[in-house]
């Protein structure tokens, strides 16, 4: 069997005291605050993520292709139900009318915000 004399080849002339051996552990550095994006799998996280998406949509800070796709995907069925509710002139369609007006209002606000020429400038 071989002897374990590896430290001797590196520290030939020094005698190491165990009192002099120590390891320095750096202090944990705090990272700058990063907004934690919650999981969309729990109910409160899903509500937060939907609100965040609607806020950016209605604020006009999204790209044009997202706005146009939103009008095609969400706006066209909502407009179809809205036209049906108005054409039938029935009171039973009022809840459907109220529910379908929500995505239309959000898309309308987003379109107006995107088209507005007066953008707030940061100095």
PDB file of N, CA and C in Angstrom:
ATOM      1  N   UNK A   1       0.826  -1.187   0.000  1.00  0.00           N
ATOM      2  CA  UNK A   1       0.000   0.000   0.000  1.00  0.00           C
ATOM      3  C   UNK A   1       0.868   1.248   0.000  1.00  0.00           C
ATOM      4  N   UNK A   2       0.354   2.261  -0.646  1.00  0.00           N
ATOM      5  CA  UNK A   2       1.113   3.508  -0.711  1.00  0.00           C
ATOM      6  C   UNK A   2       0.774   4.372   0.487  1.00  0.00           C
ATOM      7  N   UNK A   3       1.758   5.132   0.892  1.00  0.00           N
ATOM      8  CA  UNK A   3       1.525   6.048   2.002  1.00  0.00           C
ATOM      9  C   UNK A   3       0.908   7.337   1.463  1.00  0.00           C
ATOM     10  N   UNK A   4       0.106   7.914   2.285  1.00  0.00           N
ATOM     11  CA  UNK A   4      -0.540   9.159   1.888  1.00  0.00           C
ATOM     12  C   UNK A   4       0.360  10.316   2.304  1.00  0.00           C
ATOM     13  N   UNK A   5       1.320  10.646   1.456  1.00  0.00           N
ATOM     14  CA  UNK A   5       2.256  11.724   1.771  1.00  0.00           C
ATOM     15  C   UNK A   5       2.173  12.868   0.763  1.00  0.00           C
ATOM     16  N   UNK A   6       1.014  13.061   0.178  1.00  0.00           N
ATOM     17  CA  UNK A   6       0.849  14.148  -0.783  1.00  0.00           C
ATOM     18  C   UNK A   6       1.087  15.527  -0.176  1.00  0.00           C
ATOM     19  N   UNK A   7       0.605  15.831   1.019  1.00  0.00           N
ATOM     20  CA  UNK A   7       0.890  17.171   1.557  1.00  0.00           C
ATOM     21  C   UNK A   7       2.370  17.434   1.740  1.00  0.00           C
ATOM     22  N   UNK A   8       3.152  16.390   1.955  1.00  0.00           N
ATOM     23  CA  UNK A   8       4.583  16.592   2.188  1.00  0.00           C
ATOM     24  C   UNK A   8       5.288  17.099   0.936  1.00  0.00           C
ATOM     25  N   UNK A   9       4.808  16.733  -0.224  1.00  0.00           N
ATOM     26  CA  UNK A   9       5.480  17.200  -1.431  1.00  0.00           C
ATOM     27  C   UNK A   9       5.192  18.675  -1.719  1.00  0.00           C
ATOM     28  N   UNK A  10       4.109  19.208  -1.185  1.00  0.00           N
ATOM     29  CA  UNK A  10       3.804  20.623  -1.376  1.00  0.00           C
ATOM     30  C   UNK A  10       4.330  21.489  -0.239  1.00  0.00           C
ATOM     31  N   UNK A  11       4.337  20.965   0.960  1.00  0.00           N
ATOM     32  CA  UNK A  11       4.757  21.719   2.139  1.00  0.00           C
ATOM     33  C   UNK A  11       5.975  21.026   2.756  1.00  0.00           C
ATOM     34  N   UNK A  12       7.085  21.036   2.078  1.00  0.00           N
ATOM     35  CA  UNK A  12       8.249  20.298   2.550  1.00  0.00           C
ATOM     36  C   UNK A  12       8.924  20.981   3.727  1.00  0.00           C
ATOM     37  N   UNK A  13       9.082  22.292   3.626  1.00  0.00           N
ATOM     38  CA  UNK A  13       9.883  22.985   4.627  1.00  0.00           C
ATOM     39  C   UNK A  13       9.040  23.603   5.730  1.00  0.00           C
ATOM     40  N   UNK A  14       7.751  23.607   5.565  1.00  0.00           N
ATOM     41  CA  UNK A  14       6.890  24.225   6.576  1.00  0.00           C
ATOM     42  C   UNK A  14       6.233  23.162   7.420  1.00  0.00           C
ATOM     43  N   UNK A  15       6.149  23.466   8.666  1.00  0.00           N
ATOM     44  CA  UNK A  15       5.338  22.623   9.531  1.00  0.00           C
ATOM     45  C   UNK A  15       4.030  23.373   9.736  1.00  0.00           C
ATOM     46  N   UNK A  16       2.952  22.734   9.414  1.00  0.00           N
ATOM     47  CA  UNK A  16       1.649  23.391   9.506  1.00  0.00           C
ATOM     48  C   UNK A  16       1.022  23.083  10.850  1.00  0.00           C
ATOM     49  N   UNK A  17       0.673  24.146  11.536  1.00  0.00           N
ATOM     50  CA  UNK A  17      -0.088  23.978  12.771  1.00  0.00           C
ATOM     51  C   UNK A  17      -1.560  23.968  12.407  1.00  0.00           C
ATOM     52  N   UNK A  18      -2.284  23.187  13.110  1.00  0.00           N
ATOM     53  CA  UNK A  18      -3.716  23.164  12.832  1.00  0.00           C
ATOM     54  C   UNK A  18      -4.390  24.447  13.290  1.00  0.00           C
ATOM     55  N   UNK A  19      -3.728  25.226  14.138  1.00  0.00           N
ATOM     56  CA  UNK A  19      -4.294  26.513  14.564  1.00  0.00           C
ATOM     57  C   UNK A  19      -4.243  27.537  13.427  1.00  0.00           C
ATOM     58  N   UNK A  20      -3.276  27.420  12.546  1.00  0.00           N
ATOM     59  CA  UNK A  20      -3.110  28.391  11.470  1.00  0.00           C
ATOM     60  C   UNK A  20      -3.978  28.085  10.255  1.00  0.00           C
ATOM     61  N   UNK A  21      -4.557  26.927  10.186  1.00  0.00           N
ATOM     62  CA  UNK A  21      -5.394  26.564   9.046  1.00  0.00           C
ATOM     63  C   UNK A  21      -6.814  27.065   9.257  1.00  0.00           C
ATOM     64  N   UNK A  22      -7.316  27.805   8.301  1.00  0.00           N
ATOM     65  CA  UNK A  22      -8.703  28.271   8.377  1.00  0.00           C
ATOM     66  C   UNK A  22      -9.226  28.473   6.962  1.00  0.00           C
ATOM     67  N   UNK A  23     -10.516  28.536   6.858  1.00  0.00           N
ATOM     68  CA  UNK A  23     -11.185  28.742   5.577  1.00  0.00           C
ATOM     69  C   UNK A  23     -12.067  29.971   5.711  1.00  0.00           C
ATOM     70  N   UNK A  24     -11.928  30.892   4.768  1.00  0.00           N
ATOM     71  CA  UNK A  24     -12.770  32.086   4.784  1.00  0.00           C
ATOM     72  C   UNK A  24     -13.971  31.861   3.881  1.00  0.00           C
ATOM     73  N   UNK A  25     -15.140  32.102   4.420  1.00  0.00           N
ATOM     74  CA  UNK A  25     -16.374  31.989   3.653  1.00  0.00           C
ATOM     75  C   UNK A  25     -16.882  33.409   3.420  1.00  0.00           C
ATOM     76  N   UNK A  26     -17.018  33.818   2.161  1.00  0.00           N
ATOM     77  CA  UNK A  26     -17.485  35.187   1.909  1.00  0.00           C
ATOM     78  C   UNK A  26     -18.932  35.367   2.357  1.00  0.00           C
ATOM     79  N   UNK A  27     -19.238  36.596   2.728  1.00  0.00           N
ATOM     80  CA  UNK A  27     -20.608  36.906   3.143  1.00  0.00           C
ATOM     81  C   UNK A  27     -21.532  36.781   1.941  1.00  0.00           C
ATOM     82  N   UNK A  28     -22.754  36.409   2.211  1.00  0.00           N
ATOM     83  CA  UNK A  28     -23.731  36.253   1.133  1.00  0.00           C
ATOM     84  C   UNK A  28     -24.105  37.624   0.597  1.00  0.00           C
ATOM     85  N   UNK A  29     -23.952  37.801  -0.702  1.00  0.00           N
ATOM     86  CA  UNK A  29     -24.259  39.084  -1.315  1.00  0.00           C
ATOM     87  C   UNK A  29     -25.732  39.127  -1.684  1.00  0.00           C
ATOM     88  N   UNK A  30     -26.349  40.249  -1.367  1.00  0.00           N
ATOM     89  CA  UNK A  30     -27.758  40.410  -1.696  1.00  0.00           C
ATOM     90  C   UNK A  30     -27.880  40.931  -3.120  1.00  0.00           C
ATOM     91  N   UNK A  31     -28.729  40.279  -3.890  1.00  0.00           N
ATOM     92  CA  UNK A  31     -28.985  40.711  -5.254  1.00  0.00           C
ATOM     93  C   UNK A  31     -29.973  41.870  -5.243  1.00  0.00           C
ATOM     94  N   UNK A  32     -29.940  42.722  -6.254  1.00  0.00           N
ATOM     95  CA  UNK A  32     -30.955  43.778  -6.310  1.00  0.00           C
ATOM     96  C   UNK A  32     -32.346  43.167  -6.443  1.00  0.00           C
ATOM     97  N   UNK A  33     -33.333  43.934  -6.009  1.00  0.00           N
ATOM     98  CA  UNK A  33     -34.701  43.422  -5.990  1.00  0.00           C
ATOM     99  C   UNK A  33     -35.154  43.070  -7.399  1.00  0.00           C
ATOM    100  N   UNK A  34     -35.613  41.858  -7.550  1.00  0.00           N
ATOM    101  CA  UNK A  34     -36.198  41.426  -8.810  1.00  0.00           C
ATOM    102  C   UNK A  34     -37.630  41.005  -8.525  1.00  0.00           C
ATOM    103  N   UNK A  35     -38.537  41.508  -9.346  1.00  0.00           N
ATOM    104  CA  UNK A  35     -39.941  41.175  -9.126  1.00  0.00           C
ATOM    105  C   UNK A  35     -40.156  39.691  -9.383  1.00  0.00           C
ATOM    106  N   UNK A  36     -40.698  39.039  -8.415  1.00  0.00           N
ATOM    107  CA  UNK A  36     -40.939  37.606  -8.518  1.00  0.00           C
ATOM    108  C   UNK A  36     -42.216  37.383  -9.314  1.00  0.00           C
ATOM    109  N   UNK A  37     -42.109  36.613 -10.374  1.00  0.00           N
ATOM    110  CA  UNK A  37     -43.285  36.305 -11.184  1.00  0.00           C
ATOM    111  C   UNK A  37     -43.915  35.053 -10.602  1.00  0.00           C
ATOM    112  N   UNK A  38     -45.136  35.161 -10.127  1.00  0.00           N
ATOM    113  CA  UNK A  38     -45.752  33.991  -9.494  1.00  0.00           C
ATOM    114  C   UNK A  38     -46.101  32.913 -10.509  1.00  0.00           C
ATOM    115  N   UNK A  39     -46.319  31.752  -9.982  1.00  0.00           N
ATOM    116  CA  UNK A  39     -46.689  30.621 -10.824  1.00  0.00           C
ATOM    117  C   UNK A  39     -48.128  30.785 -11.288  1.00  0.00           C
ATOM    118  N   UNK A  40     -48.389  30.394 -12.501  1.00  0.00           N
ATOM    119  CA  UNK A  40     -49.744  30.465 -13.035  1.00  0.00           C
ATOM    120  C   UNK A  40     -50.578  29.255 -12.685  1.00  0.00           C
ATOM    121  N   UNK A  41     -50.008  28.342 -11.901  1.00  0.00           N
ATOM    122  CA  UNK A  41     -50.721  27.113 -11.576  1.00  0.00           C
ATOM    123  C   UNK A  41     -51.593  27.240 -10.327  1.00  0.00           C
ATOM    124  N   UNK A  42     -51.287  28.202  -9.467  1.00  0.00           N
ATOM    125  CA  UNK A  42     -52.164  28.406  -8.318  1.00  0.00           C
ATOM    126  C   UNK A  42     -53.137  29.539  -8.646  1.00  0.00           C
ATOM    127  N   UNK A  43     -54.279  29.579  -7.994  1.00  0.00           N
ATOM    128  CA  UNK A  43     -55.316  30.557  -8.377  1.00  0.00           C
ATOM    129  C   UNK A  43     -54.875  32.012  -8.242  1.00  0.00           C
ATOM    130  N   UNK A  44     -54.199  32.362  -7.155  1.00  0.00           N
ATOM    131  CA  UNK A  44     -53.800  33.757  -6.973  1.00  0.00           C
ATOM    132  C   UNK A  44     -52.721  34.161  -7.978  1.00  0.00           C
ATOM    133  N   UNK A  45     -51.830  33.243  -8.300  1.00  0.00           N
ATOM    134  CA  UNK A  45     -50.813  33.535  -9.301  1.00  0.00           C
ATOM    135  C   UNK A  45     -51.411  33.743 -10.676  1.00  0.00           C
ATOM    136  N   UNK A  46     -52.427  32.955 -10.994  1.00  0.00           N
ATOM    137  CA  UNK A  46     -53.094  33.106 -12.285  1.00  0.00           C
ATOM    138  C   UNK A  46     -53.804  34.451 -12.369  1.00  0.00           C
ATOM    139  N   UNK A  47     -54.443  34.861 -11.287  1.00  0.00           N
ATOM    140  CA  UNK A  47     -55.119  36.163 -11.265  1.00  0.00           C
ATOM    141  C   UNK A  47     -54.098  37.284 -11.443  1.00  0.00           C
ATOM    142  N   UNK A  48     -52.959  37.165 -10.758  1.00  0.00           N
ATOM    143  CA  UNK A  48     -51.925  38.189 -10.867  1.00  0.00           C
ATOM    144  C   UNK A  48     -51.375  38.267 -12.291  1.00  0.00           C
ATOM    145  N   UNK A  49     -51.115  37.117 -12.901  1.00  0.00           N
ATOM    146  CA  UNK A  49     -50.564  37.108 -14.257  1.00  0.00           C
ATOM    147  C   UNK A  49     -51.558  37.651 -15.276  1.00  0.00           C
ATOM    148  N   UNK A  50     -52.825  37.334 -15.097  1.00  0.00           N
ATOM    149  CA  UNK A  50     -53.835  37.894 -16.009  1.00  0.00           C
ATOM    150  C   UNK A  50     -53.922  39.409 -15.859  1.00  0.00           C
ATOM    151  N   UNK A  51     -53.907  39.881 -14.621  1.00  0.00           N
ATOM    152  CA  UNK A  51     -53.943  41.324 -14.388  1.00  0.00           C
ATOM    153  C   UNK A  51     -52.736  42.026 -14.975  1.00  0.00           C
ATOM    154  N   UNK A  52     -51.589  41.393 -14.851  1.00  0.00           N
ATOM    155  CA  UNK A  52     -50.372  41.973 -15.409  1.00  0.00           C
ATOM    156  C   UNK A  52     -50.447  42.045 -16.936  1.00  0.00           C
ATOM    157  N   UNK A  53     -50.969  40.990 -17.556  1.00  0.00           N
ATOM    158  CA  UNK A  53     -51.106  40.984 -19.017  1.00  0.00           C
ATOM    159  C   UNK A  53     -52.116  42.035 -19.471  1.00  0.00           C
ATOM    160  N   UNK A  54     -53.253  42.140 -18.782  1.00  0.00           N
ATOM    161  CA  UNK A  54     -54.257  43.135 -19.159  1.00  0.00           C
ATOM    162  C   UNK A  54     -53.741  44.553 -18.929  1.00  0.00           C
ATOM    163  N   UNK A  55     -52.941  44.742 -17.872  1.00  0.00           N
ATOM    164  CA  UNK A  55     -52.398  46.064 -17.583  1.00  0.00           C
ATOM    165  C   UNK A  55     -51.437  46.504 -18.692  1.00  0.00           C
ATOM    166  N   UNK A  56     -50.592  45.588 -19.146  1.00  0.00           N
ATOM    167  CA  UNK A  56     -49.679  45.959 -20.231  1.00  0.00           C
ATOM    168  C   UNK A  56     -50.433  46.124 -21.546  1.00  0.00           C
ATOM    169  N   UNK A  57     -51.499  45.351 -21.724  1.00  0.00           N
ATOM    170  CA  UNK A  57     -52.308  45.477 -22.939  1.00  0.00           C
ATOM    171  C   UNK A  57     -53.029  46.817 -22.971  1.00  0.00           C
ATOM    172  N   UNK A  58     -53.640  47.193 -21.865  1.00  0.00           N
ATOM    173  CA  UNK A  58     -54.398  48.444 -21.855  1.00  0.00           C
ATOM    174  C   UNK A  58     -53.497  49.662 -21.714  1.00  0.00           C
ATOM    175  N   UNK A  59     -52.244  49.453 -21.349  1.00  0.00           N
ATOM    176  CA  UNK A  59     -51.324  50.578 -21.225  1.00  0.00           C
ATOM    177  C   UNK A  59     -50.637  50.954 -22.521  1.00  0.00           C
ATOM    178  N   UNK A  60     -50.782  50.126 -23.542  1.00  0.00           N
ATOM    179  CA  UNK A  60     -50.173  50.423 -24.829  1.00  0.00           C
ATOM    180  C   UNK A  60     -48.700  50.086 -24.911  1.00  0.00           C
ATOM    181  N   UNK A  61     -48.210  49.244 -24.017  1.00  0.00           N
ATOM    182  CA  UNK A  61     -46.786  48.906 -24.012  1.00  0.00           C
ATOM    183  C   UNK A  61     -46.493  47.573 -24.687  1.00  0.00           C
ATOM    184  N   UNK A  62     -47.406  47.097 -25.480  1.00  0.00           N
ATOM    185  CA  UNK A  62     -47.215  45.809 -26.140  1.00  0.00           C
ATOM    186  C   UNK A  62     -46.952  46.033 -27.622  1.00  0.00           C
ATOM    187  N   UNK A  63     -46.386  45.054 -28.304  1.00  0.00           N
ATOM    188  CA  UNK A  63     -46.154  45.205 -29.745  1.00  0.00           C
ATOM    189  C   UNK A  63     -47.461  45.193 -30.537  1.00  0.00           C
ATOM    190  N   UNK A  64     -47.376  45.712 -31.749  1.00  0.00           N
ATOM    191  CA  UNK A  64     -48.560  45.785 -32.605  1.00  0.00           C
ATOM    192  C   UNK A  64     -49.124  44.418 -32.926  1.00  0.00           C
ATOM    193  N   UNK A  65     -48.252  43.433 -33.166  1.00  0.00           N
ATOM    194  CA  UNK A  65     -48.758  42.119 -33.566  1.00  0.00           C
ATOM    195  C   UNK A  65     -49.577  41.476 -32.450  1.00  0.00           C
ATOM    196  N   UNK A  66     -49.236  41.758 -31.195  1.00  0.00           N
ATOM    197  CA  UNK A  66     -50.012  41.216 -30.080  1.00  0.00           C
ATOM    198  C   UNK A  66     -51.383  41.882 -30.030  1.00  0.00           C
ATOM    199  N   UNK A  67     -51.416  43.180 -30.284  1.00  0.00           N
ATOM    200  CA  UNK A  67     -52.685  43.908 -30.273  1.00  0.00           C
ATOM    201  C   UNK A  67     -53.602  43.440 -31.404  1.00  0.00           C
ATOM    202  N   UNK A  68     -53.055  43.260 -32.585  1.00  0.00           N
ATOM    203  CA  UNK A  68     -53.868  42.796 -33.721  1.00  0.00           C
ATOM    204  C   UNK A  68     -54.353  41.371 -33.491  1.00  0.00           C
ATOM    205  N   UNK A  69     -53.471  40.521 -32.963  1.00  0.00           N
ATOM    206  CA  UNK A  69     -53.879  39.144 -32.649  1.00  0.00           C
ATOM    207  C   UNK A  69     -54.947  39.131 -31.568  1.00  0.00           C
ATOM    208  N   UNK A  70     -54.849  40.022 -30.607  1.00  0.00           N
ATOM    209  CA  UNK A  70     -55.878  40.126 -29.569  1.00  0.00           C
ATOM    210  C   UNK A  70     -57.229  40.507 -30.136  1.00  0.00           C
ATOM    211  N   UNK A  71     -57.224  41.445 -31.103  1.00  0.00           N
ATOM    212  CA  UNK A  71     -58.487  41.807 -31.746  1.00  0.00           C
ATOM    213  C   UNK A  71     -59.070  40.632 -32.515  1.00  0.00           C
ATOM    214  N   UNK A  72     -58.211  39.859 -33.183  1.00  0.00           N
ATOM    215  CA  UNK A  72     -58.712  38.718 -33.958  1.00  0.00           C
ATOM    216  C   UNK A  72     -59.206  37.586 -33.060  1.00  0.00           C
ATOM    217  N   UNK A  73     -58.450  37.275 -32.022  1.00  0.00           N
ATOM    218  CA  UNK A  73     -58.794  36.123 -31.173  1.00  0.00           C
ATOM    219  C   UNK A  73     -59.900  36.459 -30.181  1.00  0.00           C
ATOM    220  N   UNK A  74     -59.770  37.596 -29.490  1.00  0.00           N
ATOM    221  CA  UNK A  74     -60.737  37.930 -28.441  1.00  0.00           C
ATOM    222  C   UNK A  74     -61.815  38.895 -28.915  1.00  0.00           C
ATOM    223  N   UNK A  75     -61.445  39.788 -29.803  1.00  0.00           N
ATOM    224  CA  UNK A  75     -62.390  40.809 -30.230  1.00  0.00           C
ATOM    225  C   UNK A  75     -63.464  40.310 -31.166  1.00  0.00           C
ATOM    226  N   UNK A  76     -63.106  39.439 -32.101  1.00  0.00           N
ATOM    227  CA  UNK A  76     -64.113  38.979 -33.067  1.00  0.00           C
ATOM    228  C   UNK A  76     -65.224  38.147 -32.423  1.00  0.00           C
ATOM    229  N   UNK A  77     -64.946  37.182 -31.534  1.00  0.00           N
ATOM    230  CA  UNK A  77     -66.072  36.493 -30.880  1.00  0.00           C
ATOM    231  C   UNK A  77     -66.886  37.419 -29.980  1.00  0.00           C
ATOM    232  N   UNK A  78     -66.201  38.358 -29.325  1.00  0.00           N
ATOM    233  CA  UNK A  78     -66.933  39.288 -28.465  1.00  0.00           C
ATOM    234  C   UNK A  78     -67.828  40.205 -29.292  1.00  0.00           C
ATOM    235  N   UNK A  79     -67.337  40.650 -30.432  1.00  0.00           N
ATOM    236  CA  UNK A  79     -68.176  41.475 -31.307  1.00  0.00           C
ATOM    237  C   UNK A  79     -69.351  40.687 -31.863  1.00  0.00           C
ATOM    238  N   UNK A  80     -69.144  39.419 -32.163  1.00  0.00           N
ATOM    239  CA  UNK A  80     -70.224  38.567 -32.659  1.00  0.00           C
ATOM    240  C   UNK A  80     -71.331  38.422 -31.612  1.00  0.00           C
ATOM    241  N   UNK A  81     -70.948  38.172 -30.364  1.00  0.00           N
ATOM    242  CA  UNK A  81     -71.943  38.060 -29.286  1.00  0.00           C
ATOM    243  C   UNK A  81     -72.597  39.414 -29.037  1.00  0.00           C
ATOM    244  N   UNK A  82     -71.826  40.483 -29.119  1.00  0.00           N
ATOM    245  CA  UNK A  82     -72.374  41.821 -28.918  1.00  0.00           C
ATOM    246  C   UNK A  82     -73.415  42.157 -29.988  1.00  0.00           C
ATOM    247  N   UNK A  83     -73.122  41.852 -31.231  1.00  0.00           N
ATOM    248  CA  UNK A  83     -74.084  42.111 -32.316  1.00  0.00           C
ATOM    249  C   UNK A  83     -75.326  41.241 -32.157  1.00  0.00           C
ATOM    250  N   UNK A  84     -75.136  39.981 -31.755  1.00  0.00           N
ATOM    251  CA  UNK A  84     -76.282  39.088 -31.536  1.00  0.00           C
ATOM    252  C   UNK A  84     -77.160  39.597 -30.399  1.00  0.00           C
ATOM    253  N   UNK A  85     -76.545  40.077 -29.328  1.00  0.00           N
ATOM    254  CA  UNK A  85     -77.316  40.575 -28.185  1.00  0.00           C
ATOM    255  C   UNK A  85     -78.101  41.826 -28.551  1.00  0.00           C
ATOM    256  N   UNK A  86     -77.498  42.693 -29.322  1.00  0.00           N
ATOM    257  CA  UNK A  86     -78.201  43.917 -29.715  1.00  0.00           C
ATOM    258  C   UNK A  86     -79.311  43.605 -30.719  1.00  0.00           C
ATOM    259  N   UNK A  87     -79.054  42.705 -31.641  1.00  0.00           N
ATOM    260  CA  UNK A  87     -80.052  42.381 -32.673  1.00  0.00           C
ATOM    261  C   UNK A  87     -81.252  41.648 -32.097  1.00  0.00           C
ATOM    262  N   UNK A  88     -81.048  40.830 -31.082  1.00  0.00           N
ATOM    263  CA  UNK A  88     -82.176  40.076 -30.522  1.00  0.00           C
ATOM    264  C   UNK A  88     -83.048  40.941 -29.620  1.00  0.00           C
ATOM    265  N   UNK A  89     -82.509  42.021 -29.092  1.00  0.00           N
ATOM    266  CA  UNK A  89     -83.233  42.944 -28.210  1.00  0.00           C
ATOM    267  C   UNK A  89     -83.917  42.205 -27.069  1.00  0.00           C
ATOM    268  N   UNK A  90     -83.213  41.244 -26.523  1.00  0.00           N
ATOM    269  CA  UNK A  90     -83.756  40.448 -25.428  1.00  0.00           C
ATOM    270  C   UNK A  90     -83.007  40.788 -24.138  1.00  0.00           C
ATOM    271  N   UNK A  91     -83.760  40.796 -23.026  1.00  0.00           N
ATOM    272  CA  UNK A  91     -83.135  41.071 -21.736  1.00  0.00           C
ATOM    273  C   UNK A  91     -82.291  39.898 -21.240  1.00  0.00           C
ATOM    274  N   UNK A  92     -82.511  38.724 -21.791  1.00  0.00           N
ATOM    275  CA  UNK A  92     -81.724  37.570 -21.358  1.00  0.00           C
ATOM    276  C   UNK A  92     -80.289  37.634 -21.881  1.00  0.00           C
ATOM    277  N   UNK A  93     -80.044  38.459 -22.866  1.00  0.00           N
ATOM    278  CA  UNK A  93     -78.692  38.589 -23.411  1.00  0.00           C
ATOM    279  C   UNK A  93     -77.870  39.661 -22.699  1.00  0.00           C
ATOM    280  N   UNK A  94     -78.462  40.354 -21.725  1.00  0.00           N
ATOM    281  CA  UNK A  94     -77.723  41.396 -21.013  1.00  0.00           C
ATOM    282  C   UNK A  94     -76.492  40.870 -20.267  1.00  0.00           C
ATOM    283  N   UNK A  95     -76.563  39.710 -19.571  1.00  0.00           N
ATOM    284  CA  UNK A  95     -75.330  39.208 -18.938  1.00  0.00           C
ATOM    285  C   UNK A  95     -74.240  38.877 -19.960  1.00  0.00           C
ATOM    286  N   UNK A  96     -74.630  38.287 -21.083  1.00  0.00           N
ATOM    287  CA  UNK A  96     -73.642  37.996 -22.124  1.00  0.00           C
ATOM    288  C   UNK A  96     -73.069  39.282 -22.700  1.00  0.00           C
ATOM    289  N   UNK A  97     -73.912  40.291 -22.802  1.00  0.00           N
ATOM    290  CA  UNK A  97     -73.466  41.588 -23.305  1.00  0.00           C
ATOM    291  C   UNK A  97     -72.445  42.217 -22.354  1.00  0.00           C
ATOM    292  N   UNK A  98     -72.712  42.117 -21.058  1.00  0.00           N
ATOM    293  CA  UNK A  98     -71.793  42.685 -20.064  1.00  0.00           C
ATOM    294  C   UNK A  98     -70.464  41.930 -20.039  1.00  0.00           C
ATOM    295  N   UNK A  99     -70.526  40.613 -20.160  1.00  0.00           N
ATOM    296  CA  UNK A  99     -69.296  39.814 -20.103  1.00  0.00           C
ATOM    297  C   UNK A  99     -68.446  40.031 -21.348  1.00  0.00           C
ATOM    298  N   UNK A 100     -69.074  40.108 -22.504  1.00  0.00           N
ATOM    299  CA  UNK A 100     -68.295  40.299 -23.731  1.00  0.00           C
ATOM    300  C   UNK A 100     -67.780  41.721 -23.888  1.00  0.00           C
ATOM    301  N   UNK A 101     -68.329  42.651 -23.137  1.00  0.00           N
ATOM    302  CA  UNK A 101     -67.850  44.027 -23.230  1.00  0.00           C
ATOM    303  C   UNK A 101     -66.495  44.204 -22.547  1.00  0.00           C
ATOM    304  N   UNK A 102     -66.159  43.334 -21.607  1.00  0.00           N
ATOM    305  CA  UNK A 102     -64.897  43.478 -20.867  1.00  0.00           C
ATOM    306  C   UNK A 102     -63.681  43.340 -21.787  1.00  0.00           C
ATOM    307  N   UNK A 103     -63.551  42.242 -22.574  1.00  0.00           N
ATOM    308  CA  UNK A 103     -62.372  42.192 -23.456  1.00  0.00           C
ATOM    309  C   UNK A 103     -62.367  43.282 -24.520  1.00  0.00           C
ATOM    310  N   UNK A 104     -63.554  43.689 -24.964  1.00  0.00           N
ATOM    311  CA  UNK A 104     -63.599  44.766 -25.952  1.00  0.00           C
ATOM    312  C   UNK A 104     -63.105  46.086 -25.367  1.00  0.00           C
ATOM    313  N   UNK A 105     -63.467  46.360 -24.123  1.00  0.00           N
ATOM    314  CA  UNK A 105     -62.990  47.588 -23.480  1.00  0.00           C
ATOM    315  C   UNK A 105     -61.476  47.560 -23.279  1.00  0.00           C
ATOM    316  N   UNK A 106     -60.953  46.406 -22.887  1.00  0.00           N
ATOM    317  CA  UNK A 106     -59.505  46.286 -22.691  1.00  0.00           C
ATOM    318  C   UNK A 106     -58.773  46.472 -24.016  1.00  0.00           C
ATOM    319  N   UNK A 107     -59.266  45.824 -25.063  1.00  0.00           N
ATOM    320  CA  UNK A 107     -58.638  45.981 -26.376  1.00  0.00           C
ATOM    321  C   UNK A 107     -58.772  47.410 -26.900  1.00  0.00           C
ATOM    322  N   UNK A 108     -59.911  48.035 -26.647  1.00  0.00           N
ATOM    323  CA  UNK A 108     -60.119  49.412 -27.089  1.00  0.00           C
ATOM    324  C   UNK A 108     -59.157  50.360 -26.380  1.00  0.00           C
ATOM    325  N   UNK A 109     -58.990  50.177 -25.067  1.00  0.00           N
ATOM    326  CA  UNK A 109     -58.041  51.008 -24.315  1.00  0.00           C
ATOM    327  C   UNK A 109     -56.619  50.809 -24.814  1.00  0.00           C
ATOM    328  N   UNK A 110     -56.262  49.551 -25.109  1.00  0.00           N
ATOM    329  CA  UNK A 110     -54.923  49.268 -25.618  1.00  0.00           C
ATOM    330  C   UNK A 110     -54.676  49.895 -26.970  1.00  0.00           C
ATOM    331  N   UNK A 111     -55.690  49.852 -27.819  1.00  0.00           N
ATOM    332  CA  UNK A 111     -55.555  50.454 -29.146  1.00  0.00           C
ATOM    333  C   UNK A 111     -55.430  51.967 -29.042  1.00  0.00           C
ATOM    334  N   UNK A 112     -56.251  52.585 -28.209  1.00  0.00           N
ATOM    335  CA  UNK A 112     -56.158  54.040 -28.032  1.00  0.00           C
ATOM    336  C   UNK A 112     -54.823  54.448 -27.422  1.00  0.00           C
ATOM    337  N   UNK A 113     -54.338  53.667 -26.461  1.00  0.00           N
ATOM    338  CA  UNK A 113     -53.056  53.986 -25.838  1.00  0.00           C
ATOM    339  C   UNK A 113     -51.910  53.823 -26.833  1.00  0.00           C
ATOM    340  N   UNK A 114     -52.019  52.825 -27.692  1.00  0.00           N
ATOM    341  CA  UNK A 114     -50.973  52.604 -28.694  1.00  0.00           C
ATOM    342  C   UNK A 114     -50.998  53.687 -29.763  1.00  0.00           C
ATOM    343  N   UNK A 115     -52.178  54.161 -30.115  1.00  0.00           N
ATOM    344  CA  UNK A 115     -52.306  55.180 -31.152  1.00  0.00           C
ATOM    345  C   UNK A 115     -52.061  56.598 -30.649  1.00  0.00           C
ATOM    346  N   UNK A 116     -52.090  56.799 -29.351  1.00  0.00           N
ATOM    347  CA  UNK A 116     -51.916  58.154 -28.825  1.00  0.00           C
ATOM    348  C   UNK A 116     -50.503  58.640 -29.130  1.00  0.00           C
ATOM    349  N   UNK A 117     -50.429  59.864 -29.569  1.00  0.00           N
ATOM    350  CA  UNK A 117     -49.131  60.409 -29.970  1.00  0.00           C
ATOM    351  C   UNK A 117     -48.369  61.002 -28.797  1.00  0.00           C
ATOM    352  N   UNK A 118     -49.058  61.316 -27.724  1.00  0.00           N
ATOM    353  CA  UNK A 118     -48.396  61.911 -26.565  1.00  0.00           C
ATOM    354  C   UNK A 118     -47.998  60.801 -25.606  1.00  0.00           C
ATOM    355  N   UNK A 119     -46.775  60.376 -25.731  1.00  0.00           N
ATOM    356  CA  UNK A 119     -46.240  59.359 -24.831  1.00  0.00           C
ATOM    357  C   UNK A 119     -45.504  60.070 -23.700  1.00  0.00           C
ATOM    358  N   UNK A 120     -45.629  59.575 -22.483  1.00  0.00           N
ATOM    359  CA  UNK A 120     -44.879  60.208 -21.394  1.00  0.00           C
ATOM    360  C   UNK A 120     -43.375  59.968 -21.577  1.00  0.00           C
ATOM    361  N   UNK A 121     -42.621  61.030 -21.459  1.00  0.00           N
ATOM    362  CA  UNK A 121     -41.172  60.916 -21.634  1.00  0.00           C
ATOM    363  C   UNK A 121     -40.493  60.944 -20.277  1.00  0.00           C
ATOM    364  N   UNK A 122     -39.536  60.066 -20.130  1.00  0.00           N
ATOM    365  CA  UNK A 122     -38.765  60.032 -18.878  1.00  0.00           C
ATOM    366  C   UNK A 122     -37.534  60.910 -19.045  1.00  0.00           C
ATOM    367  N   UNK A 123     -37.247  61.648 -18.009  1.00  0.00           N
ATOM    368  CA  UNK A 123     -36.076  62.541 -18.070  1.00  0.00           C
ATOM    369  C   UNK A 123     -35.021  62.053 -17.140  1.00  0.00           C
TER     370      UNK A 123
END
